[in-house]
C-alpha atoms as a PDB file:
ATOM      1  CA  UNK A   1       8.526   7.577   9.135  1.00  0.00           C
ATOM      2  CA  UNK A   2       7.764   3.761   8.834  1.00  0.00           C
ATOM      3  CA  UNK A   3       6.910   1.880   5.613  1.00  0.00           C
ATOM      4  CA  UNK A   4       3.215   1.161   5.860  1.00  0.00           C
ATOM      5  CA  UNK A   5       2.767  -0.856   2.465  1.00  0.00           C
ATOM      6  CA  UNK A   6       5.188  -3.474   4.184  1.00  0.00           C
ATOM      7  CA  UNK A   7       3.774  -3.603   7.939  1.00  0.00           C
ATOM      8  CA  UNK A   8       1.207  -6.104   8.416  1.00  0.00           C
ATOM      9  CA  UNK A   9       0.436  -4.792  11.614  1.00  0.00           C
ATOM     10  CA  UNK A  10      -0.641  -1.335  10.085  1.00  0.00           C
ATOM     11  CA  UNK A  11      -2.937  -3.212   7.696  1.00  0.00           C
ATOM     12  CA  UNK A  12      -4.600  -5.315  10.511  1.00  0.00           C
ATOM     13  CA  UNK A  13      -5.320  -2.147  12.342  1.00  0.00           C
ATOM     14  CA  UNK A  14      -6.851  -0.800   9.194  1.00  0.00           C
ATOM     15  CA  UNK A  15      -9.044  -3.743   8.908  1.00  0.00           C
ATOM     16  CA  UNK A  16     -10.145  -3.776  12.679  1.00  0.00           C
ATOM     17  CA  UNK A  17     -10.870   0.283  12.486  1.00  0.00           C
ATOM     18  CA  UNK A  18     -12.855  -0.583   9.442  1.00  0.00           C
ATOM     19  CA  UNK A  19     -15.011  -3.537  10.774  1.00  0.00           C
ATOM     20  CA  UNK A  20     -15.608  -1.279  14.036  1.00  0.00           C
ATOM     21  CA  UNK A  21     -16.927   1.140  11.872  1.00  0.00           C
ATOM     22  CA  UNK A  22     -18.967  -0.841   9.967  1.00  0.00           C
ATOM     23  CA  UNK A  23     -20.970  -1.915  13.191  1.00  0.00           C
ATOM     24  CA  UNK A  24     -22.158   1.843  13.417  1.00  0.00           C
ATOM     25  CA  UNK A  25     -23.785   1.617  10.050  1.00  0.00           C
ATOM     26  CA  UNK A  26     -27.429   1.026   9.856  1.00  0.00           C
ATOM     27  CA  UNK A  27     -27.807   0.213   6.359  1.00  0.00           C
ATOM     28  CA  UNK A  28     -26.681  -3.173   5.260  1.00  0.00           C
ATOM     29  CA  UNK A  29     -25.253  -2.690   2.057  1.00  0.00           C
ATOM     30  CA  UNK A  30     -23.057   0.003   3.612  1.00  0.00           C
ATOM     31  CA  UNK A  31     -21.895  -2.215   6.480  1.00  0.00           C
ATOM     32  CA  UNK A  32     -21.231  -4.897   3.850  1.00  0.00           C
ATOM     33  CA  UNK A  33     -19.015  -2.634   1.672  1.00  0.00           C
ATOM     34  CA  UNK A  34     -16.951  -1.629   4.730  1.00  0.00           C
ATOM     35  CA  UNK A  35     -16.328  -5.339   5.716  1.00  0.00           C
ATOM     36  CA  UNK A  36     -15.313  -6.036   2.270  1.00  0.00           C
ATOM     37  CA  UNK A  37     -12.872  -3.386   2.403  1.00  0.00           C
ATOM     38  CA  UNK A  38     -11.567  -4.806   5.863  1.00  0.00           C
ATOM     39  CA  UNK A  39     -10.968  -8.232   4.002  1.00  0.00           C
ATOM     40  CA  UNK A  40      -8.966  -6.382   1.339  1.00  0.00           C
ATOM     41  CA  UNK A  41      -6.989  -4.925   4.318  1.00  0.00           C
ATOM     42  CA  UNK A  42      -6.466  -8.277   5.838  1.00  0.00           C
ATOM     43  CA  UNK A  43      -4.995  -9.439   2.580  1.00  0.00           C
ATOM     44  CA  UNK A  44      -2.805  -6.639   2.285  1.00  0.00           C
ATOM     45  CA  UNK A  45      -1.363  -7.688   5.804  1.00  0.00           C
ATOM     46  CA  UNK A  46      -0.855 -11.090   4.619  1.00  0.00           C
ATOM     47  CA  UNK A  47       0.991 -10.015   1.646  1.00  0.00           C
ATOM     48  CA  UNK A  48       3.354  -7.616   3.764  1.00  0.00           C
ATOM     49  CA  UNK A  49       3.989 -10.842   5.934  1.00  0.00           C
ATOM     50  CA  UNK A  50       4.926 -12.884   2.776  1.00  0.00           C
ATOM     51  CA  UNK A  51       7.117  -9.771   1.489  1.00  0.00           C
ATOM     52  CA  UNK A  52       9.111  -9.698   4.990  1.00  0.00           C
ATOM     53  CA  UNK A  53       9.611 -13.447   4.801  1.00  0.00           C
ATOM     54  CA  UNK A  54      11.193 -13.152   1.399  1.00  0.00           C
ATOM     55  CA  UNK A  55      13.548 -10.373   2.324  1.00  0.00           C
END
């Protein structure tokens, strides 16, 4: 079992999946919320990369 909290690839995949899902939403507000969530996933990927560099 991999540790997803420390895996930047996992968070990037989540971000991409969320962006793809956002494209299917007709309502702008829903789409924007999902895109903000994707940005947070991108930030988690950066944190995971930084954590790996410190190990």
